[in-house]
Amino acid sequence: MSATDGSRIVNRLRRIEGQVRGVAQMIEDDRYCIDVLNQVQAIKAALGRAESEILKRHAACCVADAIASGDADEQKQKFSELVDLFEKAKR
């Protein structure tokens, strides 16, 4: 994956960081709860998109490299990591 893709992910995470600070300010300003909750939902959605991009990057780089290497142990490790990740997401 290119450095540009990594930069896009970092930029996305920085925007999310700003959104979180904004929500903290909303709480301090005693803003209407539904407005705060709408912003929290937006943050969760943005984090989900960031997570998807990172997962795609992992599949395109790390998993693809393991497959290309022909190393069965490395392939099993990468597959196991993905299974563990999806198991955590189900909880």
Protein backbone atom coordinates (compact mmCIF):
# COMPACT_ATOMS: atom_id res chain seq x y z
CA MET A 1 0.00 0.00 0.00
CA SER A 2 1.30 3.43 -0.84
CA ALA A 3 2.34 6.17 1.55
CA THR A 4 -0.54 8.20 0.13
CA ASP A 5 -3.01 5.61 1.43
CA GLY A 6 -1.37 5.78 4.85
CA SER A 7 -1.62 9.56 4.79
CA ARG A 8 -5.32 9.36 3.95
CA ILE A 9 -5.90 7.10 6.95
CA VAL A 10 -3.92 9.40 9.25
CA ASN A 11 -5.87 12.41 7.97
CA ARG A 12 -9.13 10.58 8.59
CA LEU A 13 -8.05 9.76 12.14
CA ARG A 14 -7.07 13.38 12.77
CA ARG A 15 -10.53 14.50 11.65
CA ILE A 16 -12.04 11.98 14.06
CA GLU A 17 -9.78 13.33 16.80
CA GLY A 18 -11.17 16.80 16.10
CA GLN A 19 -14.71 15.47 16.22
CA VAL A 20 -14.05 13.90 19.62
CA ARG A 21 -12.68 17.19 20.94
CA GLY A 22 -15.80 18.87 19.56
CA VAL A 23 -18.04 16.45 21.45
CA ALA A 24 -16.10 17.11 24.65
CA GLN A 25 -16.68 20.83 24.10
CA MET A 26 -20.37 20.19 23.48
CA ILE A 27 -20.58 18.41 26.86
CA GLU A 28 -18.75 21.27 28.57
CA ASP A 29 -21.14 23.73 26.91
CA ASP A 30 -24.12 21.66 28.15
CA ARG A 31 -25.43 21.19 24.61
CA TYR A 32 -28.62 19.28 23.92
CA CYS A 33 -28.08 15.56 24.51
CA ILE A 34 -29.51 14.45 21.15
CA ASP A 35 -27.10 16.79 19.35
CA VAL A 36 -24.21 15.25 21.28
CA LEU A 37 -25.43 11.73 20.57
CA ASN A 38 -25.73 12.50 16.86
CA GLN A 39 -22.09 13.59 16.87
CA VAL A 40 -21.06 10.44 18.76
CA GLN A 41 -22.82 8.33 16.12
CA ALA A 42 -20.97 10.24 13.40
CA ILE A 43 -17.68 9.52 15.16
CA LYS A 44 -18.50 5.82 15.41
CA ALA A 45 -19.31 5.71 11.70
CA ALA A 46 -16.06 7.53 10.86
CA LEU A 47 -14.09 5.08 13.02
CA GLY A 48 -15.78 2.21 11.20
CA ARG A 49 -14.67 3.64 7.86
CA ALA A 50 -11.12 4.08 9.16
CA GLU A 51 -11.17 0.50 10.42
CA SER A 52 -12.27 -0.72 6.98
CA GLU A 53 -9.46 1.18 5.28
CA ILE A 54 -6.87 -0.26 7.67
CA LEU A 55 -8.26 -3.76 7.14
CA LYS A 56 -8.08 -3.31 3.36
CA ARG A 57 -4.50 -2.10 3.72
CA HIS A 58 -3.64 -5.15 5.83
CA ALA A 59 -5.17 -7.51 3.28
CA ALA A 60 -3.48 -5.79 0.34
CA CYS A 61 -0.05 -5.69 1.98
CA CYS A 62 0.52 -8.04 4.87
CA VAL A 63 -1.78 -10.88 3.86
CA ALA A 64 -0.85 -10.63 0.18
CA ASP A 65 2.86 -10.71 1.10
CA ALA A 66 2.31 -13.80 3.23
CA ILE A 67 0.52 -15.54 0.38
CA ALA A 68 3.21 -14.54 -2.12
CA SER A 69 5.97 -15.74 0.20
CA GLY A 70 4.76 -19.32 0.03
CA ASP A 71 5.57 -19.65 3.75
CA ALA A 72 2.74 -21.77 5.16
CA ASP A 73 3.45 -20.71 8.77
CA GLU A 74 3.30 -17.03 7.88
CA GLN A 75 0.09 -17.59 5.92
CA LYS A 76 -1.49 -19.39 8.88
CA GLN A 77 -0.42 -16.58 11.21
CA LYS A 78 -2.01 -13.89 9.03
CA PHE A 79 -5.19 -15.92 8.67
CA SER A 80 -5.30 -16.53 12.42
CA GLU A 81 -4.89 -12.79 13.08
CA LEU A 82 -7.88 -12.04 10.86
CA VAL A 83 -10.02 -14.72 12.51
CA ASP A 84 -9.12 -13.34 15.96
CA LEU A 85 -10.00 -9.83 14.82
CA PHE A 86 -13.40 -10.91 13.54
CA GLU A 87 -14.06 -12.90 16.71
CA LYS A 88 -13.41 -9.77 18.80
CA ALA A 89 -15.77 -7.78 16.57
CA LYS A 90 -18.59 -10.24 17.24
CA ARG A 91 -18.42 -9.65 21.01
